[in-house]
């Protein structure tokens, strides 16, 4: 589903998506409030969500949608790769962030990554996020005493966007065990979301994402 108040952009995105055999565009919304109503009816797997829309912006709409439909995957579309907006969108539950200046291949790569359960940040968004966390705490050491070897492995894979079943398969452990490790990691590090885990992992050199 598309949510953007610029009809020309929606038409361009529609043209790109309709040429791909593995996508089906089910609806278009002109603002955040309309996106919520439409998503309730259509139950899309993925929403490409503009951030700056009238009536209700993309961040607020994403937060409300994910609260209602936790399984929905939202990819933010923005003209800018502003650090504050990137972080707010991730904290709202978005699984991807792509700037509107990105090319067709970048867009499709991001959609397919999110469709397969991964988190996707375009290079511009990833760069400002990395700069942000490194600047904020450039000397904070990674504490091997706080996390065990397996927990560090799970944290790295989580931060790289892998789902719990994918992590279990890679590490040859049960999905339920991965979930236990994830809860323990969050408790030990006093973090409360995948976005926070990702920032922690980047800051401590566990991932290049």
Protein backbone atom coordinates (compact mmCIF):
# COMPACT_ATOMS: atom_id res chain seq x y z
CA UNK A 1 0.00 0.00 0.00
CA UNK A 2 1.18 3.57 -0.73
CA UNK A 3 0.64 6.58 1.54
CA UNK A 4 1.81 9.90 0.11
CA UNK A 5 0.08 13.23 -0.47
CA UNK A 6 1.87 13.85 -3.79
CA UNK A 7 -0.11 12.22 -6.56
CA UNK A 8 2.76 12.46 -9.06
CA UNK A 9 5.03 10.49 -6.74
CA UNK A 10 2.32 7.89 -6.08
CA UNK A 11 1.88 7.44 -9.83
CA UNK A 12 5.65 6.99 -10.26
CA UNK A 13 5.83 4.45 -7.43
CA UNK A 14 2.76 2.66 -8.78
CA UNK A 15 4.45 2.34 -12.16
CA UNK A 16 7.56 0.83 -10.58
CA UNK A 17 5.66 -1.65 -8.42
CA UNK A 18 3.29 -2.83 -11.13
CA UNK A 19 6.22 -3.98 -13.25
CA UNK A 20 7.36 -6.37 -10.51
CA UNK A 21 5.79 -9.84 -10.54
CA UNK A 22 6.19 -10.37 -6.78
CA UNK A 23 4.32 -7.21 -5.69
CA UNK A 24 0.62 -6.37 -5.74
CA UNK A 25 -0.40 -2.77 -5.02
CA UNK A 26 -3.67 -2.94 -3.09
CA UNK A 27 -4.37 0.70 -2.26
CA UNK A 28 -3.27 4.34 -2.10
CA UNK A 29 -3.79 6.91 0.65
CA UNK A 30 -3.38 10.69 0.55
CA UNK A 31 -2.53 11.24 4.25
CA UNK A 32 -1.83 9.40 7.48
CA UNK A 33 -5.42 9.25 8.69
CA UNK A 34 -6.60 7.84 5.37
CA UNK A 35 -3.74 5.34 5.47
CA UNK A 36 -4.94 4.03 8.84
CA UNK A 37 -8.53 3.62 7.63
CA UNK A 38 -7.44 1.95 4.40
CA UNK A 39 -5.02 -0.39 6.18
CA UNK A 40 -7.81 -1.54 8.49
CA UNK A 41 -9.80 -2.63 5.47
CA UNK A 42 -7.03 -3.95 3.21
CA UNK A 43 -4.59 -5.44 5.79
CA UNK A 44 -1.53 -4.89 3.56
CA UNK A 45 1.75 -6.66 4.28
CA UNK A 46 3.83 -3.54 3.63
CA UNK A 47 3.09 0.19 3.54
CA UNK A 48 5.35 2.73 1.85
CA UNK A 49 4.69 5.68 4.15
CA UNK A 50 5.56 9.29 3.43
CA UNK A 51 6.55 11.16 6.59
CA UNK A 52 5.42 14.70 5.85
CA UNK A 53 1.70 14.43 5.07
CA UNK A 54 -1.28 16.66 5.96
CA UNK A 55 -3.94 15.73 8.56
CA UNK A 56 -1.65 13.12 10.13
CA UNK A 57 2.06 12.61 9.47
CA UNK A 58 3.78 9.32 8.77
CA UNK A 59 5.39 8.92 12.19
CA UNK A 60 2.10 9.22 14.08
CA UNK A 61 0.31 7.04 11.53
CA UNK A 62 3.02 4.37 11.73
CA UNK A 63 2.85 4.27 15.53
CA UNK A 64 -0.93 3.87 15.50
CA UNK A 65 -0.94 1.28 12.71
CA UNK A 66 1.70 -0.92 14.32
CA UNK A 67 -0.12 -0.77 17.65
CA UNK A 68 -3.23 -2.10 15.88
CA UNK A 69 -1.50 -4.46 13.44
CA UNK A 70 1.88 -5.52 14.87
CA UNK A 71 2.53 -7.75 11.87
CA UNK A 72 2.40 -4.85 9.40
CA UNK A 73 5.72 -3.68 7.95
CA UNK A 74 6.18 0.02 7.31
CA UNK A 75 8.88 1.57 5.14
CA UNK A 76 9.33 5.30 5.60
CA UNK A 77 9.74 7.53 2.55
CA UNK A 78 11.26 10.94 3.13
CA UNK A 79 12.79 13.80 1.21
CA UNK A 80 15.45 14.10 3.89
CA UNK A 81 17.70 11.75 5.86
CA UNK A 82 17.37 13.80 9.04
CA UNK A 83 18.78 12.02 12.10
CA UNK A 84 15.88 12.99 14.36
CA UNK A 85 13.25 11.84 11.88
CA UNK A 86 15.05 8.58 11.12
CA UNK A 87 15.21 7.74 14.83
CA UNK A 88 11.60 8.76 15.45
CA UNK A 89 10.40 6.60 12.58
CA UNK A 90 12.39 3.59 13.78
CA UNK A 91 11.12 4.11 17.33
CA UNK A 92 7.57 4.21 15.93
CA UNK A 93 8.19 0.71 14.60
CA UNK A 94 9.13 1.25 10.94
CA UNK A 95 11.20 -1.55 9.42
CA UNK A 96 12.76 0.54 6.67
CA UNK A 97 13.77 4.07 5.71
CA UNK A 98 14.37 5.19 2.13
CA UNK A 99 14.94 8.70 0.86
CA UNK A 100 12.86 9.80 -2.11
CA UNK A 101 15.99 10.60 -4.11
CA UNK A 102 16.91 6.90 -4.10
CA UNK A 103 16.73 5.04 -7.37
CA UNK A 104 14.36 2.31 -8.45
CA UNK A 105 16.77 -0.50 -7.55
CA UNK A 106 17.29 0.91 -4.05
CA UNK A 107 13.54 1.07 -3.49
CA UNK A 108 12.94 -2.48 -4.66
CA UNK A 109 15.89 -3.78 -2.62
CA UNK A 110 14.44 -2.14 0.49
CA UNK A 111 10.93 -3.50 -0.07
CA UNK A 112 12.19 -7.04 -0.63
CA UNK A 113 14.46 -6.89 2.44
CA UNK A 114 11.59 -5.76 4.67
CA UNK A 115 9.24 -8.32 3.09
CA UNK A 116 11.69 -11.03 4.19
CA UNK A 117 11.73 -9.79 7.78
CA UNK A 118 14.86 -7.65 7.70
CA UNK A 119 15.35 -4.01 8.60
CA UNK A 120 16.47 -1.79 5.73
CA UNK A 121 18.06 1.65 5.89
CA UNK A 122 19.14 3.32 2.67
CA UNK A 123 22.79 4.48 2.70
CA UNK A 124 21.89 8.11 3.53
CA UNK A 125 19.76 7.13 6.54
CA UNK A 126 22.28 4.54 7.71
CA UNK A 127 25.11 7.07 7.54
CA UNK A 128 23.37 9.68 9.72
CA UNK A 129 22.38 7.00 12.24
CA UNK A 130 25.94 5.68 12.48
CA UNK A 131 27.35 9.21 12.83
CA UNK A 132 24.75 9.97 15.50
CA UNK A 133 25.47 7.04 17.78
CA UNK A 134 29.26 7.25 17.35
CA UNK A 135 29.28 10.96 18.12
CA UNK A 136 27.01 10.62 21.12
CA UNK A 137 29.06 7.93 22.87
CA UNK A 138 32.36 7.60 21.01
CA UNK A 139 34.26 6.04 23.91
CA UNK A 140 31.65 3.74 25.47
CA UNK A 141 33.23 0.26 25.59
CA UNK A 142 31.43 -2.92 24.78
CA UNK A 143 31.11 -4.85 28.02
CA UNK A 144 31.84 -8.53 27.49
CA UNK A 145 30.96 -9.07 31.12
CA UNK A 146 27.39 -7.93 30.59
CA UNK A 147 26.68 -10.16 27.59
CA UNK A 148 27.80 -13.70 26.89
CA UNK A 149 29.23 -14.88 23.56
CA UNK A 150 25.89 -16.25 22.34
CA UNK A 151 24.07 -13.07 23.38
CA UNK A 152 26.55 -10.98 21.39
CA UNK A 153 25.95 -13.21 18.35
CA UNK A 154 22.18 -12.81 18.70
CA UNK A 155 22.53 -9.04 19.17
CA UNK A 156 24.63 -8.72 16.02
CA UNK A 157 22.12 -10.64 13.92
CA UNK A 158 19.16 -8.74 15.38
CA UNK A 159 20.87 -5.44 14.57
CA UNK A 160 21.48 -6.61 11.01
CA UNK A 161 17.74 -7.11 10.59
CA UNK A 162 17.39 -10.88 10.89
CA UNK A 163 14.22 -12.37 12.35
CA UNK A 164 14.23 -14.74 15.32
CA UNK A 165 13.60 -17.85 13.12
CA UNK A 166 16.47 -16.79 10.82
CA UNK A 167 18.79 -16.30 13.79
CA UNK A 168 17.81 -19.67 15.21
CA UNK A 169 18.61 -21.36 11.91
CA UNK A 170 21.97 -19.61 11.60
CA UNK A 171 23.01 -20.41 15.16
CA UNK A 172 21.36 -23.86 15.24
CA UNK A 173 19.17 -23.03 18.21
CA UNK A 174 15.39 -22.92 18.71
CA UNK A 175 13.45 -19.75 17.92
CA UNK A 176 12.21 -19.72 21.52
CA UNK A 177 15.84 -19.72 22.69
CA UNK A 178 16.56 -16.71 20.47
CA UNK A 179 13.62 -14.90 22.09
CA UNK A 180 14.99 -15.68 25.55
CA UNK A 181 18.40 -14.29 24.54
CA UNK A 182 16.73 -11.17 23.09
CA UNK A 183 14.84 -10.51 26.33
CA UNK A 184 17.99 -11.07 28.39
CA UNK A 185 19.99 -8.70 26.17
CA UNK A 186 17.38 -5.96 26.52
CA UNK A 187 17.23 -6.46 30.28
CA UNK A 188 21.03 -6.41 30.74
CA UNK A 189 21.56 -3.38 28.51
CA UNK A 190 18.37 -1.61 29.68
CA UNK A 191 17.20 -1.18 26.09
CA UNK A 192 13.61 -1.42 24.99
CA UNK A 193 13.40 -1.75 21.20
CA UNK A 194 15.15 -3.19 18.16
CA UNK A 195 16.06 0.38 17.15
CA UNK A 196 17.92 0.85 20.44
CA UNK A 197 19.63 -2.52 20.07
CA UNK A 198 20.72 -1.56 16.55
CA UNK A 199 22.19 1.73 17.74
CA UNK A 200 24.03 -0.05 20.56
CA UNK A 201 25.46 -2.66 18.18
CA UNK A 202 26.66 0.00 15.72
CA UNK A 203 28.22 2.07 18.47
CA UNK A 204 30.14 -0.94 19.73
CA UNK A 205 31.32 -2.18 16.35
CA UNK A 206 29.15 -5.31 16.22
CA UNK A 207 27.66 -4.51 12.82
CA UNK A 208 28.37 -2.34 9.82
CA UNK A 209 24.64 -1.81 9.09
